[in-house]
Amino acid sequence: MNFISKKVLPLVALGASAVMFAAPAQALDIKQDQINKCVKGAVDYKVADNATAKKLCSCTVDVRSKMTLGQMWEIESYAQSGKDPATLPYAKTMQNSLQQCTKGLKLNPPQKPGK
């Protein structure tokens, strides 16, 4: 699934960076907050219905939560230097895990949210 490597992987690094700077008072349960934001995005962009989005997002957030700070920095460094982070061994493993999150789920191409 090329979509995963070109769209999801770069977003994973950015999302992980954003979580690091969340104010502690606002982030009582960062993992659940990330799942909720993911579900909202998946539903808003008509990628999946709510139940499917919850399954997908719970799995993908779980995969992302296992990324170490050093791995995140390595991915960001590769991206900023113009290298493809998908070539990193950890990124390949993570991509495989993310692809497993989509197994058996009916997912649609993203569509622009309606107003």
Protein backbone atom coordinates (compact mmCIF):
# COMPACT_ATOMS: atom_id res chain seq x y z
CA MET A 1 0.00 0.00 0.00
CA ASN A 2 1.89 3.00 -1.29
CA PHE A 3 -0.67 5.27 0.41
CA ILE A 4 0.71 4.19 3.79
CA SER A 5 4.35 4.99 3.00
CA LYS A 6 3.71 8.28 1.19
CA LYS A 7 0.87 9.66 3.30
CA VAL A 8 0.79 8.02 6.72
CA LEU A 9 4.48 7.64 7.56
CA PRO A 10 5.39 11.35 7.22
CA LEU A 11 2.31 12.25 9.24
CA VAL A 12 3.33 9.86 11.98
CA ALA A 13 6.53 11.80 12.62
CA LEU A 14 4.70 15.12 12.61
CA GLY A 15 1.95 13.83 14.86
CA ALA A 16 4.46 12.45 17.31
CA SER A 17 6.24 15.82 17.41
CA ALA A 18 2.99 17.64 18.11
CA VAL A 19 2.21 15.31 21.01
CA MET A 20 5.53 16.16 22.65
CA PHE A 21 4.57 19.83 22.87
CA ALA A 22 1.04 19.35 24.20
CA ALA A 23 0.42 21.16 27.47
CA PRO A 24 0.19 18.67 30.34
CA ALA A 25 -3.10 20.15 31.59
CA GLN A 26 -4.66 19.59 28.15
CA ALA A 27 -3.31 16.09 27.64
CA LEU A 28 -4.65 13.86 30.38
CA ASP A 29 -4.86 10.90 28.00
CA ILE A 30 -2.72 11.69 24.98
CA LYS A 31 -3.19 8.28 23.38
CA GLN A 32 -7.00 8.47 23.55
CA ASP A 33 -6.91 12.05 22.31
CA GLN A 34 -4.86 10.94 19.29
CA ILE A 35 -7.33 8.13 18.59
CA ASN A 36 -10.26 10.55 18.81
CA LYS A 37 -8.59 13.02 16.42
CA CYS A 38 -7.78 10.21 14.01
CA VAL A 39 -11.38 8.92 14.09
CA LYS A 40 -12.74 12.42 13.47
CA GLY A 41 -10.40 12.89 10.50
CA ALA A 42 -11.20 9.47 9.02
CA VAL A 43 -14.94 10.11 9.31
CA ASP A 44 -14.73 13.75 8.13
CA TYR A 45 -12.73 12.69 5.05
CA LYS A 46 -15.10 9.74 4.48
CA VAL A 47 -12.27 7.20 4.70
CA ALA A 48 -14.36 5.01 7.01
CA ASP A 49 -17.49 4.91 9.11
CA ASN A 50 -17.16 5.58 12.84
CA ALA A 51 -16.82 1.94 13.95
CA THR A 52 -14.21 1.13 11.29
CA ALA A 53 -12.35 4.37 12.00
CA LYS A 54 -12.15 3.45 15.71
CA LYS A 55 -10.59 0.07 14.83
CA LEU A 56 -8.15 1.61 12.35
CA CYS A 57 -7.18 4.51 14.58
CA SER A 58 -6.76 2.43 17.73
CA CYS A 59 -4.39 0.15 15.85
CA THR A 60 -2.40 2.91 14.11
CA VAL A 61 -2.05 4.98 17.29
CA ASP A 62 -0.88 1.84 19.11
CA VAL A 63 1.76 1.25 16.41
CA ARG A 64 2.88 4.89 16.58
CA SER A 65 3.01 4.81 20.38
CA LYS A 66 5.75 2.21 20.22
CA MET A 67 8.07 4.55 18.29
CA THR A 68 10.98 5.77 20.40
CA LEU A 69 12.05 9.39 20.50
CA GLY A 70 15.30 8.42 18.75
CA GLN A 71 13.38 6.71 15.94
CA MET A 72 11.14 9.74 15.54
CA TRP A 73 14.18 12.03 15.30
CA GLU A 74 15.81 9.72 12.76
CA ILE A 75 12.65 9.77 10.60
CA GLU A 76 12.43 13.57 10.87
CA SER A 77 16.13 13.97 10.05
CA TYR A 78 15.78 11.81 6.95
CA ALA A 79 12.72 13.76 5.80
CA GLN A 80 14.36 17.15 6.41
CA SER A 81 17.49 16.12 4.50
CA GLY A 82 15.41 15.07 1.51
CA LYS A 83 15.91 11.34 2.07
CA ASP A 84 13.01 8.92 2.04
CA PRO A 85 12.31 7.88 5.65
CA ALA A 86 10.51 4.79 4.35
CA THR A 87 13.96 3.30 3.62
CA LEU A 88 14.87 3.16 7.32
CA PRO A 89 14.65 -0.35 8.81
CA TYR A 90 12.35 0.80 11.61
CA ALA A 91 10.13 2.66 9.15
CA LYS A 92 9.77 -0.51 7.06
CA THR A 93 8.73 -2.47 10.15
CA MET A 94 6.32 0.26 11.16
CA GLN A 95 4.87 0.41 7.65
CA ASN A 96 4.21 -3.34 7.77
CA SER A 97 2.48 -2.94 11.14
CA LEU A 98 0.39 -0.05 9.81
CA GLN A 99 -0.62 -2.14 6.81
CA GLN A 100 -1.77 -4.87 9.21
CA CYS A 101 -4.04 -2.26 10.81
CA THR A 102 -5.95 -1.98 7.52
CA LYS A 103 -6.47 -5.74 7.01
CA GLY A 104 -10.14 -6.62 6.74
CA LEU A 105 -11.30 -3.00 6.94
CA LYS A 106 -13.28 -1.28 4.21
CA LEU A 107 -11.44 1.98 3.61
CA ASN A 108 -12.26 4.60 1.00
CA PRO A 109 -9.97 7.13 -0.65
CA PRO A 110 -10.08 10.42 1.29
CA GLN A 111 -12.68 12.91 0.09
CA LYS A 112 -12.85 16.61 0.82
CA PRO A 113 -15.19 17.16 3.79
CA GLY A 114 -18.56 18.68 2.98
CA LYS A 115 -19.41 22.05 4.44
